[in-house]
Amino acid sequence: MKVTEMSIAMFEASALSEEAFTHEAHVYMGWLYIREFGADEGLLRFDAALRRLVKVLGAESIYSAMTTWLFMKLIAARMQPGQGWTEFRQDNGDLFEGRPKKS
Protein backbone atom coordinates (compact mmCIF):
# COMPACT_ATOMS: atom_id res chain seq x y z
CA MET A 1 0.00 0.00 0.00
CA LYS A 2 1.30 3.45 -0.92
CA VAL A 3 1.31 5.95 1.91
CA THR A 4 -0.96 8.24 -0.09
CA GLU A 5 -3.61 5.49 -0.10
CA MET A 6 -3.79 5.64 3.71
CA SER A 7 -6.46 7.72 5.38
CA ILE A 8 -7.21 9.19 8.77
CA ALA A 9 -10.20 6.85 9.03
CA MET A 10 -7.96 3.80 8.47
CA PHE A 11 -5.46 5.06 11.03
CA GLU A 12 -8.10 5.80 13.65
CA ALA A 13 -9.63 2.35 13.11
CA SER A 14 -6.16 0.80 13.62
CA ALA A 15 -6.61 -0.77 10.18
CA LEU A 16 -2.96 -0.53 9.14
CA SER A 17 -0.52 -3.41 9.33
CA GLU A 18 2.88 -3.11 10.95
CA GLU A 19 4.48 -3.64 7.52
CA ALA A 20 2.44 -0.84 5.93
CA PHE A 21 3.01 1.63 8.77
CA THR A 22 6.56 2.62 7.87
CA HIS A 23 8.39 5.72 9.06
CA GLU A 24 7.23 7.52 5.92
CA ALA A 25 3.65 6.49 6.72
CA HIS A 26 4.04 7.98 10.22
CA VAL A 27 5.14 11.30 8.75
CA TYR A 28 2.40 11.22 6.10
CA MET A 29 -0.31 10.57 8.68
CA GLY A 30 1.06 13.38 10.84
CA TRP A 31 0.97 15.68 7.82
CA LEU A 32 -2.64 14.65 7.08
CA TYR A 33 -3.73 15.29 10.67
CA ILE A 34 -2.14 18.74 10.77
CA ARG A 35 -3.62 19.63 7.39
CA GLU A 36 -7.08 18.45 8.48
CA PHE A 37 -7.21 19.59 12.12
CA GLY A 38 -4.44 22.17 12.61
CA ALA A 39 -1.26 21.77 14.62
CA ASP A 40 -2.64 21.49 18.16
CA GLU A 41 -5.73 19.35 17.59
CA GLY A 42 -3.91 17.34 14.92
CA LEU A 43 -1.15 16.48 17.36
CA LEU A 44 -3.55 15.33 20.05
CA ARG A 45 -5.69 13.27 17.66
CA PHE A 46 -2.67 11.72 15.92
CA ASP A 47 -1.05 10.78 19.23
CA ALA A 48 -4.25 9.14 20.52
CA ALA A 49 -4.70 7.16 17.28
CA LEU A 50 -1.04 6.13 17.25
CA ARG A 51 -1.29 4.86 20.83
CA ARG A 52 -4.31 2.76 19.85
CA LEU A 53 -2.53 1.40 16.76
CA VAL A 54 0.65 0.37 18.59
CA LYS A 55 -1.49 -1.37 21.21
CA VAL A 56 -3.34 -3.33 18.50
CA LEU A 57 -0.01 -4.22 16.86
CA GLY A 58 1.52 -5.21 20.19
CA ALA A 59 4.23 -2.62 19.73
CA GLU A 60 3.72 -0.38 22.78
CA SER A 61 7.38 -0.73 23.73
CA ILE A 62 8.51 1.21 20.66
CA TYR A 63 6.08 4.13 21.09
CA SER A 64 7.75 7.37 22.14
CA ALA A 65 5.66 10.39 23.05
CA MET A 66 8.72 12.64 22.77
CA THR A 67 9.54 11.47 19.25
CA THR A 68 5.90 11.67 18.17
CA TRP A 69 5.48 15.20 19.48
CA LEU A 70 8.84 16.34 18.06
CA PHE A 71 8.00 15.11 14.57
CA MET A 72 4.50 16.59 14.70
CA LYS A 73 5.90 19.98 15.73
CA LEU A 74 8.50 19.84 12.93
CA ILE A 75 5.89 18.84 10.35
CA ALA A 76 3.61 21.70 11.43
CA ALA A 77 6.46 24.22 11.35
CA ARG A 78 7.53 23.17 7.86
CA MET A 79 4.14 22.92 6.15
CA GLN A 80 3.52 25.62 3.57
CA PRO A 81 0.06 26.86 2.52
CA GLY A 82 -1.18 24.99 -0.54
CA GLN A 83 1.74 22.56 -0.49
CA GLY A 84 0.82 18.98 -1.35
CA TRP A 85 2.35 15.82 0.02
CA THR A 86 4.78 15.32 -2.89
CA GLU A 87 6.23 18.80 -2.47
CA PHE A 88 6.39 18.48 1.31
CA ARG A 89 8.19 15.14 0.96
CA GLN A 90 10.72 16.60 -1.51
CA ASP A 91 11.37 19.71 0.59
CA ASN A 92 11.84 17.82 3.87
CA GLY A 93 13.92 14.78 3.06
CA ASP A 94 15.69 14.96 6.42
CA LEU A 95 12.44 13.95 8.15
CA PHE A 96 12.68 10.63 6.33
CA GLU A 97 16.43 10.00 6.72
CA GLY A 98 17.00 9.70 10.43
CA ARG A 99 17.68 12.84 12.40
CA PRO A 100 15.81 15.95 11.30
CA LYS A 101 17.65 19.23 10.93
CA LYS A 102 16.76 22.17 13.13
CA SER A 103 14.26 24.44 11.38
PDB file of N, CA and C in Angstrom:
ATOM      1  N   MET A   1       0.840  -1.179   0.000  1.00  0.00           N
ATOM      2  CA  MET A   1       0.000   0.000   0.000  1.00  0.00           C
ATOM      3  C   MET A   1       0.887   1.244   0.000  1.00  0.00           C
ATOM      4  N   LYS A   2       0.591   2.165  -0.894  1.00  0.00           N
ATOM      5  CA  LYS A   2       1.300   3.445  -0.924  1.00  0.00           C
ATOM      6  C   LYS A   2       0.818   4.294   0.254  1.00  0.00           C
ATOM      7  N   VAL A   3       1.713   5.122   0.776  1.00  0.00           N
ATOM      8  CA  VAL A   3       1.305   5.954   1.914  1.00  0.00           C
ATOM      9  C   VAL A   3       0.142   6.864   1.542  1.00  0.00           C
ATOM     10  N   THR A   4       0.106   7.326   0.313  1.00  0.00           N
ATOM     11  CA  THR A   4      -0.961   8.239  -0.092  1.00  0.00           C
ATOM     12  C   THR A   4      -2.316   7.549  -0.220  1.00  0.00           C
ATOM     13  N   GLU A   5      -2.344   6.233  -0.104  1.00  0.00           N
ATOM     14  CA  GLU A   5      -3.610   5.495  -0.096  1.00  0.00           C
ATOM     15  C   GLU A   5      -4.155   5.353   1.323  1.00  0.00           C
ATOM     16  N   MET A   6      -3.366   5.721   2.307  1.00  0.00           N
ATOM     17  CA  MET A   6      -3.788   5.639   3.707  1.00  0.00           C
ATOM     18  C   MET A   6      -4.662   6.840   4.043  1.00  0.00           C
ATOM     19  N   SER A   7      -5.565   6.635   4.987  1.00  0.00           N
ATOM     20  CA  SER A   7      -6.458   7.722   5.383  1.00  0.00           C
ATOM     21  C   SER A   7      -6.521   7.844   6.903  1.00  0.00           C
ATOM     22  N   ILE A   8      -7.004   8.979   7.348  1.00  0.00           N
ATOM     23  CA  ILE A   8      -7.206   9.190   8.773  1.00  0.00           C
ATOM     24  C   ILE A   8      -8.168   8.146   9.322  1.00  0.00           C
ATOM     25  N   ALA A   9      -9.225   7.838   8.574  1.00  0.00           N
ATOM     26  CA  ALA A   9     -10.203   6.846   9.029  1.00  0.00           C
ATOM     27  C   ALA A   9      -9.537   5.480   9.240  1.00  0.00           C
ATOM     28  N   MET A  10      -8.677   5.074   8.329  1.00  0.00           N
ATOM     29  CA  MET A  10      -7.963   3.800   8.468  1.00  0.00           C
ATOM     30  C   MET A  10      -7.068   3.815   9.704  1.00  0.00           C
ATOM     31  N   PHE A  11      -6.371   4.921   9.896  1.00  0.00           N
ATOM     32  CA  PHE A  11      -5.457   5.061  11.025  1.00  0.00           C
ATOM     33  C   PHE A  11      -6.224   5.017  12.337  1.00  0.00           C
ATOM     34  N   GLU A  12      -7.320   5.757  12.412  1.00  0.00           N
ATOM     35  CA  GLU A  12      -8.098   5.805  13.650  1.00  0.00           C
ATOM     36  C   GLU A  12      -8.785   4.475  13.948  1.00  0.00           C
ATOM     37  N   ALA A  13      -9.037   3.676  12.922  1.00  0.00           N
ATOM     38  CA  ALA A  13      -9.631   2.348  13.112  1.00  0.00           C
ATOM     39  C   ALA A  13      -8.551   1.290  13.354  1.00  0.00           C
ATOM     40  N   SER A  14      -7.301   1.708  13.452  1.00  0.00           N
ATOM     41  CA  SER A  14      -6.158   0.796  13.616  1.00  0.00           C
ATOM     42  C   SER A  14      -6.157  -0.275  12.531  1.00  0.00           C
ATOM     43  N   ALA A  15      -6.492   0.150  11.313  1.00  0.00           N
ATOM     44  CA  ALA A  15      -6.605  -0.774  10.184  1.00  0.00           C
ATOM     45  C   ALA A  15      -5.366  -0.774   9.299  1.00  0.00           C
ATOM     46  N   LEU A  16      -4.211  -0.510   9.882  1.00  0.00           N
ATOM     47  CA  LEU A  16      -2.956  -0.528   9.139  1.00  0.00           C
ATOM     48  C   LEU A  16      -2.055  -1.609   9.722  1.00  0.00           C
ATOM     49  N   SER A  17      -1.418  -2.358   8.861  1.00  0.00           N
ATOM     50  CA  SER A  17      -0.517  -3.407   9.329  1.00  0.00           C
ATOM     51  C   SER A  17       0.819  -2.800   9.754  1.00  0.00           C
ATOM     52  N   GLU A  18       1.551  -3.561  10.528  1.00  0.00           N
ATOM     53  CA  GLU A  18       2.877  -3.111  10.945  1.00  0.00           C
ATOM     54  C   GLU A  18       3.783  -2.899   9.738  1.00  0.00           C
ATOM     55  N   GLU A  19       3.664  -3.759   8.732  1.00  0.00           N
ATOM     56  CA  GLU A  19       4.481  -3.640   7.523  1.00  0.00           C
ATOM     57  C   GLU A  19       4.140  -2.371   6.740  1.00  0.00           C
ATOM     58  N   ALA A  20       2.875  -2.024   6.685  1.00  0.00           N
ATOM     59  CA  ALA A  20       2.445  -0.843   5.930  1.00  0.00           C
ATOM     60  C   ALA A  20       2.773   0.455   6.665  1.00  0.00           C
ATOM     61  N   PHE A  21       2.830   0.399   8.001  1.00  0.00           N
ATOM     62  CA  PHE A  21       3.013   1.629   8.770  1.00  0.00           C
ATOM     63  C   PHE A  21       4.493   1.917   8.980  1.00  0.00           C
ATOM     64  N   THR A  22       5.136   2.289   7.896  1.00  0.00           N
ATOM     65  CA  THR A  22       6.562   2.619   7.872  1.00  0.00           C
ATOM     66  C   THR A  22       6.803   3.998   8.484  1.00  0.00           C
ATOM     67  N   HIS A  23       8.066   4.373   8.567  1.00  0.00           N
ATOM     68  CA  HIS A  23       8.387   5.722   9.060  1.00  0.00           C
ATOM     69  C   HIS A  23       7.758   6.780   8.147  1.00  0.00           C
ATOM     70  N   GLU A  24       7.845   6.567   6.842  1.00  0.00           N
ATOM     71  CA  GLU A  24       7.228   7.521   5.920  1.00  0.00           C
ATOM     72  C   GLU A  24       5.721   7.611   6.166  1.00  0.00           C
ATOM     73  N   ALA A  25       5.085   6.488   6.438  1.00  0.00           N
ATOM     74  CA  ALA A  25       3.652   6.491   6.723  1.00  0.00           C
ATOM     75  C   ALA A  25       3.348   7.277   7.995  1.00  0.00           C
ATOM     76  N   HIS A  26       4.214   7.176   9.000  1.00  0.00           N
ATOM     77  CA  HIS A  26       4.043   7.981  10.220  1.00  0.00           C
ATOM     78  C   HIS A  26       4.028   9.472   9.865  1.00  0.00           C
ATOM     79  N   VAL A  27       5.028   9.883   9.103  1.00  0.00           N
ATOM     80  CA  VAL A  27       5.140  11.305   8.746  1.00  0.00           C
ATOM     81  C   VAL A  27       3.945  11.731   7.892  1.00  0.00           C
ATOM     82  N   TYR A  28       3.552  10.899   6.948  1.00  0.00           N
ATOM     83  CA  TYR A  28       2.401  11.215   6.104  1.00  0.00           C
ATOM     84  C   TYR A  28       1.132  11.384   6.940  1.00  0.00           C
ATOM     85  N   MET A  29       0.887  10.461   7.851  1.00  0.00           N
ATOM     86  CA  MET A  29      -0.315  10.571   8.678  1.00  0.00           C
ATOM     87  C   MET A  29      -0.260  11.837   9.543  1.00  0.00           C
ATOM     88  N   GLY A  30       0.917  12.142  10.072  1.00  0.00           N
ATOM     89  CA  GLY A  30       1.058  13.380  10.842  1.00  0.00           C
ATOM     90  C   GLY A  30       0.735  14.593   9.996  1.00  0.00           C
ATOM     91  N   TRP A  31       1.233  14.588   8.769  1.00  0.00           N
ATOM     92  CA  TRP A  31       0.968  15.680   7.821  1.00  0.00           C
ATOM     93  C   TRP A  31      -0.536  15.789   7.544  1.00  0.00           C
ATOM     94  N   LEU A  32      -1.185  14.638   7.328  1.00  0.00           N
ATOM     95  CA  LEU A  32      -2.638  14.648   7.084  1.00  0.00           C
ATOM     96  C   LEU A  32      -3.402  15.234   8.270  1.00  0.00           C
ATOM     97  N   TYR A  33      -3.033  14.805   9.468  1.00  0.00           N
ATOM     98  CA  TYR A  33      -3.727  15.291  10.669  1.00  0.00           C
ATOM     99  C   TYR A  33      -3.564  16.798  10.831  1.00  0.00           C
ATOM    100  N   ILE A  34      -2.370  17.296  10.625  1.00  0.00           N
ATOM    101  CA  ILE A  34      -2.138  18.740  10.770  1.00  0.00           C
ATOM    102  C   ILE A  34      -2.891  19.505   9.692  1.00  0.00           C
ATOM    103  N   ARG A  35      -2.889  18.986   8.478  1.00  0.00           N
ATOM    104  CA  ARG A  35      -3.621  19.635   7.392  1.00  0.00           C
ATOM    105  C   ARG A  35      -5.124  19.657   7.682  1.00  0.00           C
ATOM    106  N   GLU A  36      -5.643  18.568   8.232  1.00  0.00           N
ATOM    107  CA  GLU A  36      -7.077  18.451   8.480  1.00  0.00           C
ATOM    108  C   GLU A  36      -7.539  19.186   9.738  1.00  0.00           C
ATOM    109  N   PHE A  37      -6.754  19.106  10.818  1.00  0.00           N
ATOM    110  CA  PHE A  37      -7.214  19.593  12.120  1.00  0.00           C
ATOM    111  C   PHE A  37      -6.406  20.748  12.701  1.00  0.00           C
ATOM    112  N   GLY A  38      -5.320  21.139  12.048  1.00  0.00           N
ATOM    113  CA  GLY A  38      -4.445  22.167  12.607  1.00  0.00           C
ATOM    114  C   GLY A  38      -3.404  21.528  13.520  1.00  0.00           C
ATOM    115  N   ALA A  39      -2.409  22.307  13.885  1.00  0.00           N
ATOM    116  CA  ALA A  39      -1.260  21.773  14.624  1.00  0.00           C
ATOM    117  C   ALA A  39      -1.632  21.205  15.986  1.00  0.00           C
ATOM    118  N   ASP A  40      -2.368  21.940  16.786  1.00  0.00           N
ATOM    119  CA  ASP A  40      -2.636  21.490  18.157  1.00  0.00           C
ATOM    120  C   ASP A  40      -3.599  20.307  18.202  1.00  0.00           C
ATOM    121  N   GLU A  41      -4.765  20.445  17.577  1.00  0.00           N
ATOM    122  CA  GLU A  41      -5.728  19.352  17.589  1.00  0.00           C
ATOM    123  C   GLU A  41      -5.188  18.157  16.804  1.00  0.00           C
ATOM    124  N   GLY A  42      -4.491  18.424  15.703  1.00  0.00           N
ATOM    125  CA  GLY A  42      -3.913  17.337  14.916  1.00  0.00           C
ATOM    126  C   GLY A  42      -2.933  16.509  15.730  1.00  0.00           C
ATOM    127  N   LEU A  43      -2.115  17.179  16.510  1.00  0.00           N
ATOM    128  CA  LEU A  43      -1.148  16.478  17.356  1.00  0.00           C
ATOM    129  C   LEU A  43      -1.860  15.582  18.359  1.00  0.00           C
ATOM    130  N   LEU A  44      -2.845  16.114  19.038  1.00  0.00           N
ATOM    131  CA  LEU A  44      -3.554  15.331  20.053  1.00  0.00           C
ATOM    132  C   LEU A  44      -4.280  14.138  19.444  1.00  0.00           C
ATOM    133  N   ARG A  45      -4.943  14.364  18.321  1.00  0.00           N
ATOM    134  CA  ARG A  45      -5.691  13.275  17.664  1.00  0.00           C
ATOM    135  C   ARG A  45      -4.745  12.215  17.098  1.00  0.00           C
ATOM    136  N   PHE A  46      -3.653  12.666  16.470  1.00  0.00           N
ATOM    137  CA  PHE A  46      -2.672  11.723  15.921  1.00  0.00           C
ATOM    138  C   PHE A  46      -2.079  10.871  17.033  1.00  0.00           C
ATOM    139  N   ASP A  47      -1.676  11.503  18.117  1.00  0.00           N
ATOM    140  CA  ASP A  47      -1.053  10.784  19.225  1.00  0.00           C
ATOM    141  C   ASP A  47      -2.003   9.733  19.801  1.00  0.00           C
ATOM    142  N   ALA A  48      -3.265  10.091  19.976  1.00  0.00           N
ATOM    143  CA  ALA A  48      -4.245   9.140  20.516  1.00  0.00           C
ATOM    144  C   ALA A  48      -4.429   7.956  19.558  1.00  0.00           C
ATOM    145  N   ALA A  49      -4.530   8.241  18.265  1.00  0.00           N
ATOM    146  CA  ALA A  49      -4.702   7.165  17.280  1.00  0.00           C
ATOM    147  C   ALA A  49      -3.457   6.288  17.200  1.00  0.00           C
ATOM    148  N   LEU A  50      -2.284   6.901  17.291  1.00  0.00           N
ATOM    149  CA  LEU A  50      -1.041   6.132  17.248  1.00  0.00           C
ATOM    150  C   LEU A  50      -0.942   5.208  18.456  1.00  0.00           C
ATOM    151  N   ARG A  51      -1.318   5.699  19.626  1.00  0.00           N
ATOM    152  CA  ARG A  51      -1.288   4.859  20.832  1.00  0.00           C
ATOM    153  C   ARG A  51      -2.213   3.653  20.680  1.00  0.00           C
ATOM    154  N   ARG A  52      -3.388   3.878  20.085  1.00  0.00           N
ATOM    155  CA  ARG A  52      -4.308   2.757  19.847  1.00  0.00           C
ATOM    156  C   ARG A  52      -3.702   1.760  18.865  1.00  0.00           C
ATOM    157  N   LEU A  53      -3.106   2.267  17.783  1.00  0.00           N
ATOM    158  CA  LEU A  53      -2.534   1.396  16.764  1.00  0.00           C
ATOM    159  C   LEU A  53      -1.397   0.553  17.330  1.00  0.00           C
ATOM    160  N   VAL A  54      -0.481   1.164  18.073  1.00  0.00           N
ATOM    161  CA  VAL A  54       0.648   0.375  18.593  1.00  0.00           C
ATOM    162  C   VAL A  54       0.163  -0.668  19.591  1.00  0.00           C
ATOM    163  N   LYS A  55      -0.921  -0.369  20.296  1.00  0.00           N
ATOM    164  CA  LYS A  55      -1.486  -1.371  21.211  1.00  0.00           C
ATOM    165  C   LYS A  55      -2.042  -2.557  20.416  1.00  0.00           C
ATOM    166  N   VAL A  56      -2.796  -2.270  19.353  1.00  0.00           N
ATOM    167  CA  VAL A  56      -3.343  -3.328  18.502  1.00  0.00           C
ATOM    168  C   VAL A  56      -2.223  -4.162  17.894  1.00  0.00           C
ATOM    169  N   LEU A  57      -1.143  -3.510  17.493  1.00  0.00           N
ATOM    170  CA  LEU A  57      -0.014  -4.217  16.860  1.00  0.00           C
ATOM    171  C   LEU A  57       0.900  -4.894  17.877  1.00  0.00           C
ATOM    172  N   GLY A  58       0.650  -4.642  19.169  1.00  0.00           N
ATOM    173  CA  GLY A  58       1.520  -5.213  20.193  1.00  0.00           C
ATOM    174  C   GLY A  58       2.893  -4.580  20.208  1.00  0.00           C
ATOM    175  N   ALA A  59       2.947  -3.308  19.858  1.00  0.00           N
ATOM    176  CA  ALA A  59       4.235  -2.624  19.727  1.00  0.00           C
ATOM    177  C   ALA A  59       4.356  -1.433  20.681  1.00  0.00           C
ATOM    178  N   GLU A  60       3.683  -1.514  21.831  1.00  0.00           N
ATOM    179  CA  GLU A  60       3.719  -0.382  22.778  1.00  0.00           C
ATOM    180  C   GLU A  60       5.132  -0.022  23.208  1.00  0.00           C
ATOM    181  N   SER A  61       6.023  -0.987  23.244  1.00  0.00           N
ATOM    182  CA  SER A  61       7.381  -0.728  23.728  1.00  0.00           C
ATOM    183  C   SER A  61       8.178   0.190  22.809  1.00  0.00           C
ATOM    184  N   ILE A  62       7.757   0.326  21.556  1.00  0.00           N
ATOM    185  CA  ILE A  62       8.512   1.208  20.655  1.00  0.00           C
ATOM    186  C   ILE A  62       7.879   2.588  20.505  1.00  0.00           C
ATOM    187  N   TYR A  63       6.717   2.807  21.130  1.00  0.00           N
ATOM    188  CA  TYR A  63       6.079   4.125  21.091  1.00  0.00           C
ATOM    189  C   TYR A  63       6.890   5.102  21.923  1.00  0.00           C
ATOM    190  N   SER A  64       7.066   6.310  21.400  1.00  0.00           N
ATOM    191  CA  SER A  64       7.754   7.370  22.139  1.00  0.00           C
ATOM    192  C   SER A  64       6.974   8.668  21.982  1.00  0.00           C
ATOM    193  N   ALA A  65       6.403   9.131  23.083  1.00  0.00           N
ATOM    194  CA  ALA A  65       5.659  10.394  23.049  1.00  0.00           C
ATOM    195  C   ALA A  65       6.573  11.534  22.611  1.00  0.00           C
ATOM    196  N   MET A  66       7.799  11.556  23.108  1.00  0.00           N
ATOM    197  CA  MET A  66       8.718  12.642  22.772  1.00  0.00           C
ATOM    198  C   MET A  66       9.001  12.675  21.271  1.00  0.00           C
ATOM    199  N   THR A  67       9.274  11.518  20.680  1.00  0.00           N
ATOM    200  CA  THR A  67       9.539  11.466  19.249  1.00  0.00           C
ATOM    201  C   THR A  67       8.304  11.853  18.446  1.00  0.00           C
ATOM    202  N   THR A  68       7.159  11.350  18.855  1.00  0.00           N
ATOM    203  CA  THR A  68       5.900  11.674  18.169  1.00  0.00           C
ATOM    204  C   THR A  68       5.653  13.172  18.195  1.00  0.00           C
ATOM    205  N   TRP A  69       5.757  13.772  19.350  1.00  0.00           N
ATOM    206  CA  TRP A  69       5.478  15.199  19.477  1.00  0.00           C
ATOM    207  C   TRP A  69       6.524  16.026  18.727  1.00  0.00           C
ATOM    208  N   LEU A  70       7.784  15.623  18.783  1.00  0.00           N
ATOM    209  CA  LEU A  70       8.838  16.338  18.058  1.00  0.00           C
ATOM    210  C   LEU A  70       8.544  16.348  16.561  1.00  0.00           C
ATOM    211  N   PHE A  71       8.261  15.181  16.002  1.00  0.00           N
ATOM    212  CA  PHE A  71       7.999  15.112  14.565  1.00  0.00           C
ATOM    213  C   PHE A  71       6.748  15.908  14.201  1.00  0.00           C
ATOM    214  N   MET A  72       5.711  15.840  15.003  1.00  0.00           N
ATOM    215  CA  MET A  72       4.495  16.591  14.700  1.00  0.00           C
ATOM    216  C   MET A  72       4.767  18.099  14.719  1.00  0.00           C
ATOM    217  N   LYS A  73       5.552  18.560  15.667  1.00  0.00           N
ATOM    218  CA  LYS A  73       5.904  19.983  15.733  1.00  0.00           C
ATOM    219  C   LYS A  73       6.741  20.388  14.516  1.00  0.00           C
ATOM    220  N   LEU A  74       7.680  19.539  14.108  1.00  0.00           N
ATOM    221  CA  LEU A  74       8.501  19.841  12.932  1.00  0.00           C
ATOM    222  C   LEU A  74       7.654  19.852  11.662  1.00  0.00           C
ATOM    223  N   ILE A  75       6.767  18.883  11.532  1.00  0.00           N
ATOM    224  CA  ILE A  75       5.893  18.845  10.354  1.00  0.00           C
ATOM    225  C   ILE A  75       5.064  20.116  10.291  1.00  0.00           C
ATOM    226  N   ALA A  76       4.452  20.492  11.397  1.00  0.00           N
ATOM    227  CA  ALA A  76       3.613  21.699  11.435  1.00  0.00           C
ATOM    228  C   ALA A  76       4.419  22.946  11.083  1.00  0.00           C
ATOM    229  N   ALA A  77       5.628  23.047  11.604  1.00  0.00           N
ATOM    230  CA  ALA A  77       6.463  24.222  11.348  1.00  0.00           C
ATOM    231  C   ALA A  77       6.897  24.312   9.890  1.00  0.00           C
ATOM    232  N   ARG A  78       7.017  23.186   9.229  1.00  0.00           N
ATOM    233  CA  ARG A  78       7.526  23.173   7.857  1.00  0.00           C
ATOM    234  C   ARG A  78       6.441  23.180   6.785  1.00  0.00           C
ATOM    235  N   MET A  79       5.217  22.928   7.147  1.00  0.00           N
ATOM    236  CA  MET A  79       4.142  22.918   6.150  1.00  0.00           C
ATOM    237  C   MET A  79       3.950  24.312   5.572  1.00  0.00           C
ATOM    238  N   GLN A  80       3.751  24.359   4.275  1.00  0.00           N
ATOM    239  CA  GLN A  80       3.518  25.619   3.570  1.00  0.00           C
ATOM    240  C   GLN A  80       2.090  25.637   3.038  1.00  0.00           C
ATOM    241  N   PRO A  81       1.425  26.789   3.051  1.00  0.00           N
ATOM    242  CA  PRO A  81       0.061  26.859   2.519  1.00  0.00           C
ATOM    243  C   PRO A  81      -0.004  26.358   1.076  1.00  0.00           C
ATOM    244  N   GLY A  82      -0.971  25.510   0.809  1.00  0.00           N
ATOM    245  CA  GLY A  82      -1.179  24.994  -0.539  1.00  0.00           C
ATOM    246  C   GLY A  82      -0.205  23.913  -0.981  1.00  0.00           C
ATOM    247  N   GLN A  83       0.736  23.556  -0.131  1.00  0.00           N
ATOM    248  CA  GLN A  83       1.739  22.556  -0.486  1.00  0.00           C
ATOM    249  C   GLN A  83       1.146  21.161  -0.348  1.00  0.00           C
ATOM    250  N   GLY A  84       1.282  20.353  -1.389  1.00  0.00           N
ATOM    251  CA  GLY A  84       0.816  18.981  -1.352  1.00  0.00           C
ATOM    252  C   GLY A  84       1.854  18.064  -0.742  1.00  0.00           C
ATOM    253  N   TRP A  85       1.462  16.803  -0.587  1.00  0.00           N
ATOM    254  CA  TRP A  85       2.354  15.819   0.019  1.00  0.00           C
ATOM    255  C   TRP A  85       3.648  15.649  -0.771  1.00  0.00           C
ATOM    256  N   THR A  86       3.577  15.545  -2.073  1.00  0.00           N
ATOM    257  CA  THR A  86       4.777  15.316  -2.885  1.00  0.00           C
ATOM    258  C   THR A  86       5.791  16.430  -2.671  1.00  0.00           C
ATOM    259  N   GLU A  87       5.328  17.661  -2.676  1.00  0.00           N
ATOM    260  CA  GLU A  87       6.229  18.802  -2.465  1.00  0.00           C
ATOM    261  C   GLU A  87       6.782  18.798  -1.046  1.00  0.00           C
ATOM    262  N   PHE A  88       5.928  18.535  -0.078  1.00  0.00           N
ATOM    263  CA  PHE A  88       6.387  18.482   1.308  1.00  0.00           C
ATOM    264  C   PHE A  88       7.474  17.415   1.463  1.00  0.00           C
ATOM    265  N   ARG A  89       7.240  16.259   0.887  1.00  0.00           N
ATOM    266  CA  ARG A  89       8.194  15.143   0.961  1.00  0.00           C
ATOM    267  C   ARG A  89       9.536  15.533   0.327  1.00  0.00           C
ATOM    268  N   GLN A  90       9.487  16.187  -0.823  1.00  0.00           N
ATOM    269  CA  GLN A  90      10.716  16.598  -1.511  1.00  0.00           C
ATOM    270  C   GLN A  90      11.470  17.668  -0.727  1.00  0.00           C
ATOM    271  N   ASP A  91      10.745  18.594  -0.122  1.00  0.00           N
ATOM    272  CA  ASP A  91      11.370  19.711   0.592  1.00  0.00           C
ATOM    273  C   ASP A  91      11.905  19.337   1.970  1.00  0.00           C
ATOM    274  N   ASN A  92      11.495  18.174   2.488  1.00  0.00           N
ATOM    275  CA  ASN A  92      11.838  17.819   3.869  1.00  0.00           C
ATOM    276  C   ASN A  92      12.414  16.410   3.980  1.00  0.00           C
ATOM    277  N   GLY A  93      13.323  16.104   3.091  1.00  0.00           N
ATOM    278  CA  GLY A  93      13.924  14.776   3.059  1.00  0.00           C
ATOM    279  C   GLY A  93      14.554  14.355   4.373  1.00  0.00           C
ATOM    280  N   ASP A  94      15.054  15.308   5.148  1.00  0.00           N
ATOM    281  CA  ASP A  94      15.693  14.960   6.419  1.00  0.00           C
ATOM    282  C   ASP A  94      14.720  14.303   7.398  1.00  0.00           C
ATOM    283  N   LEU A  95      13.419  14.583   7.257  1.00  0.00           N
ATOM    284  CA  LEU A  95      12.435  13.951   8.148  1.00  0.00           C
ATOM    285  C   LEU A  95      12.308  12.456   7.875  1.00  0.00           C
ATOM    286  N   PHE A  96      12.808  12.017   6.738  1.00  0.00           N
ATOM    287  CA  PHE A  96      12.682  10.627   6.330  1.00  0.00           C
ATOM    288  C   PHE A  96      13.999   9.871   6.410  1.00  0.00           C
ATOM    289  N   GLU A  97      15.075  10.581   6.752  1.00  0.00           N
ATOM    290  CA  GLU A  97      16.427   9.996   6.715  1.00  0.00           C
ATOM    291  C   GLU A  97      17.102   9.991   8.072  1.00  0.00           C
ATOM    292  N   GLY A  98      16.365   9.745   9.118  1.00  0.00           N
ATOM    293  CA  GLY A  98      16.996   9.698  10.432  1.00  0.00           C
ATOM    294  C   GLY A  98      16.735  10.965  11.216  1.00  0.00           C
ATOM    295  N   ARG A  99      17.801  11.672  11.537  1.00  0.00           N
ATOM    296  CA  ARG A  99      17.678  12.840  12.405  1.00  0.00           C
ATOM    297  C   ARG A  99      17.301  14.086  11.617  1.00  0.00           C
ATOM    298  N   PRO A 100      16.190  14.712  11.998  1.00  0.00           N
ATOM    299  CA  PRO A 100      15.808  15.949  11.296  1.00  0.00           C
ATOM    300  C   PRO A 100      16.739  17.102  11.648  1.00  0.00           C
ATOM    301  N   LYS A 101      16.870  18.017  10.704  1.00  0.00           N
ATOM    302  CA  LYS A 101      17.651  19.234  10.931  1.00  0.00           C
ATOM    303  C   LYS A 101      16.816  20.220  11.720  1.00  0.00           C
ATOM    304  N   LYS A 102      17.470  21.102  12.439  1.00  0.00           N
ATOM    305  CA  LYS A 102      16.756  22.172  13.134  1.00  0.00           C
ATOM    306  C   LYS A 102      16.132  23.079  12.097  1.00  0.00           C
ATOM    307  N   SER A 103      14.881  23.514  12.354  1.00  0.00           N
ATOM    308  CA  SER A 103      14.262  24.438  11.384  1.00  0.00           C
ATOM    309  C   SER A 103      14.471  25.857  11.796  1.00  0.00           C
TER     310      SER A 103
END
